Amino acid sequence: METRNQRLIRELLEEREEPSDTSLRAQSLRRAKANEPPRTMTPFEWEQWYAEHGVPEGHRRGQRKPRRPWWRRLFRRRGNDAS
């Protein structure tokens, strides 16, 4: 949607560019057509979406070794410094 001022500026500068729709509605439609995962949903909606489409690679957690608590790492580091 173009405002009056935008139209006047375009006419004065004689710009020839295609209008682009940057509304949230247009962005969500583009993502839906491209089969991209949505950006924001409630936890219940995410459960439904995962059930229908599966979990995308970007939403999976990697298998990492559990970290030690910070205080154990600190004591281990201090113990190594003293010896």
C-alpha atoms as a PDB file:
ATOM      1  CA  MET A   1       0.000   0.000   0.000  1.00  0.00           C
ATOM      2  CA  GLU A   2       1.470   3.301  -1.079  1.00  0.00           C
ATOM      3  CA  THR A   3       0.814   6.543   0.755  1.00  0.00           C
ATOM      4  CA  ARG A   4       0.146   9.828  -0.984  1.00  0.00           C
ATOM      5  CA  ASN A   5       3.606  11.154  -0.121  1.00  0.00           C
ATOM      6  CA  GLN A   6       5.291   8.013  -1.414  1.00  0.00           C
ATOM      7  CA  ARG A   7       3.347   8.294  -4.668  1.00  0.00           C
ATOM      8  CA  LEU A   8       4.349  11.962  -5.068  1.00  0.00           C
ATOM      9  CA  ILE A   9       8.015  11.158  -4.435  1.00  0.00           C
ATOM     10  CA  ARG A  10       7.903   8.282  -6.905  1.00  0.00           C
ATOM     11  CA  GLU A  11       6.292  10.503  -9.542  1.00  0.00           C
ATOM     12  CA  LEU A  12       8.827  13.287  -8.947  1.00  0.00           C
ATOM     13  CA  LEU A  13      11.796  10.977  -9.170  1.00  0.00           C
ATOM     14  CA  GLU A  14      10.178   8.933 -11.943  1.00  0.00           C
ATOM     15  CA  GLU A  15      11.193   5.692 -10.306  1.00  0.00           C
ATOM     16  CA  ARG A  16      10.161   2.561 -12.064  1.00  0.00           C
ATOM     17  CA  GLU A  17      10.248  -0.151  -9.463  1.00  0.00           C
ATOM     18  CA  GLU A  18       7.762  -2.867  -8.761  1.00  0.00           C
ATOM     19  CA  PRO A  19       5.798  -2.440  -5.547  1.00  0.00           C
ATOM     20  CA  SER A  20       6.871  -4.896  -2.864  1.00  0.00           C
ATOM     21  CA  ASP A  21       4.584  -6.139  -0.169  1.00  0.00           C
ATOM     22  CA  THR A  22       6.534  -6.296   3.101  1.00  0.00           C
ATOM     23  CA  SER A  23       3.556  -6.868   5.365  1.00  0.00           C
ATOM     24  CA  LEU A  24       3.548  -9.709   7.888  1.00  0.00           C
ATOM     25  CA  ARG A  25       0.762 -11.357   5.915  1.00  0.00           C
ATOM     26  CA  ALA A  26       2.838 -11.381   2.734  1.00  0.00           C
ATOM     27  CA  GLN A  27       5.878 -12.746   4.576  1.00  0.00           C
ATOM     28  CA  SER A  28       3.878 -15.566   6.155  1.00  0.00           C
ATOM     29  CA  LEU A  29       2.356 -16.445   2.768  1.00  0.00           C
ATOM     30  CA  ARG A  30       5.816 -16.531   1.190  1.00  0.00           C
ATOM     31  CA  ARG A  31       7.088 -18.858   3.941  1.00  0.00           C
ATOM     32  CA  ALA A  32       4.030 -21.089   3.599  1.00  0.00           C
ATOM     33  CA  LYS A  33       4.505 -21.411  -0.160  1.00  0.00           C
ATOM     34  CA  ALA A  34       8.222 -22.128   0.260  1.00  0.00           C
ATOM     35  CA  ASN A  35       7.405 -24.791   2.887  1.00  0.00           C
ATOM     36  CA  GLU A  36       9.603 -23.037   5.473  1.00  0.00           C
ATOM     37  CA  PRO A  37       8.883 -23.531   9.165  1.00  0.00           C
ATOM     38  CA  PRO A  38       6.947 -20.713  10.812  1.00  0.00           C
ATOM     39  CA  ARG A  39       8.735 -18.234  13.077  1.00  0.00           C
ATOM     40  CA  THR A  40       6.441 -17.959  16.082  1.00  0.00           C
ATOM     41  CA  MET A  41       3.711 -20.188  17.465  1.00  0.00           C
ATOM     42  CA  THR A  42       2.351 -21.291  20.801  1.00  0.00           C
ATOM     43  CA  PRO A  43       3.748 -24.541  22.270  1.00  0.00           C
ATOM     44  CA  PHE A  44       0.533 -26.338  21.322  1.00  0.00           C
ATOM     45  CA  GLU A  45       0.772 -25.085  17.729  1.00  0.00           C
ATOM     46  CA  TRP A  46       4.412 -26.227  17.545  1.00  0.00           C
ATOM     47  CA  GLU A  47       3.364 -29.722  18.686  1.00  0.00           C
ATOM     48  CA  GLN A  48       0.741 -29.847  15.936  1.00  0.00           C
ATOM     49  CA  TRP A  49       3.164 -28.512  13.334  1.00  0.00           C
ATOM     50  CA  TYR A  50       5.864 -31.047  14.285  1.00  0.00           C
ATOM     51  CA  ALA A  51       3.285 -33.862  14.132  1.00  0.00           C
ATOM     52  CA  GLU A  52       2.241 -32.835  10.612  1.00  0.00           C
ATOM     53  CA  HIS A  53       5.612 -31.822   9.123  1.00  0.00           C
ATOM     54  CA  GLY A  54       8.271 -33.421  11.306  1.00  0.00           C
ATOM     55  CA  VAL A  55      11.007 -31.593  13.180  1.00  0.00           C
ATOM     56  CA  PRO A  56      13.194 -29.479  10.860  1.00  0.00           C
ATOM     57  CA  GLU A  57      16.971 -29.889  11.075  1.00  0.00           C
ATOM     58  CA  GLY A  58      17.418 -26.416  12.547  1.00  0.00           C
ATOM     59  CA  HIS A  59      15.118 -27.265  15.466  1.00  0.00           C
ATOM     60  CA  ARG A  60      16.893 -30.463  16.514  1.00  0.00           C
ATOM     61  CA  ARG A  61      19.270 -30.417  19.412  1.00  0.00           C
ATOM     62  CA  GLY A  62      22.670 -31.901  18.819  1.00  0.00           C
ATOM     63  CA  GLN A  63      23.859 -34.840  20.845  1.00  0.00           C
ATOM     64  CA  ARG A  64      26.316 -33.206  23.208  1.00  0.00           C
ATOM     65  CA  LYS A  65      28.088 -34.634  26.181  1.00  0.00           C
ATOM     66  CA  PRO A  66      26.549 -33.195  29.358  1.00  0.00           C
ATOM     67  CA  ARG A  67      28.705 -30.457  30.854  1.00  0.00           C
ATOM     68  CA  ARG A  68      30.004 -30.558  34.362  1.00  0.00           C
ATOM     69  CA  PRO A  69      28.667 -27.944  36.751  1.00  0.00           C
ATOM     70  CA  TRP A  70      30.617 -24.699  36.676  1.00  0.00           C
ATOM     71  CA  TRP A  71      31.880 -25.118  40.206  1.00  0.00           C
ATOM     72  CA  ARG A  72      33.437 -28.529  39.443  1.00  0.00           C
ATOM     73  CA  ARG A  73      35.200 -27.103  36.419  1.00  0.00           C
ATOM     74  CA  LEU A  74      36.491 -24.241  38.589  1.00  0.00           C
ATOM     75  CA  PHE A  75      37.811 -26.569  41.310  1.00  0.00           C
ATOM     76  CA  ARG A  76      39.459 -28.794  38.723  1.00  0.00           C
ATOM     77  CA  ARG A  77      41.117 -25.781  37.122  1.00  0.00           C
ATOM     78  CA  ARG A  78      42.307 -24.458  40.508  1.00  0.00           C
ATOM     79  CA  GLY A  79      43.602 -27.898  41.446  1.00  0.00           C
ATOM     80  CA  ASN A  80      45.638 -28.075  38.212  1.00  0.00           C
ATOM     81  CA  ASP A  81      47.098 -24.599  38.826  1.00  0.00           C
ATOM     82  CA  ALA A  82      48.288 -25.493  42.326  1.00  0.00           C
ATOM     83  CA  SER A  83      50.181 -28.603  41.212  1.00  0.00           C
END
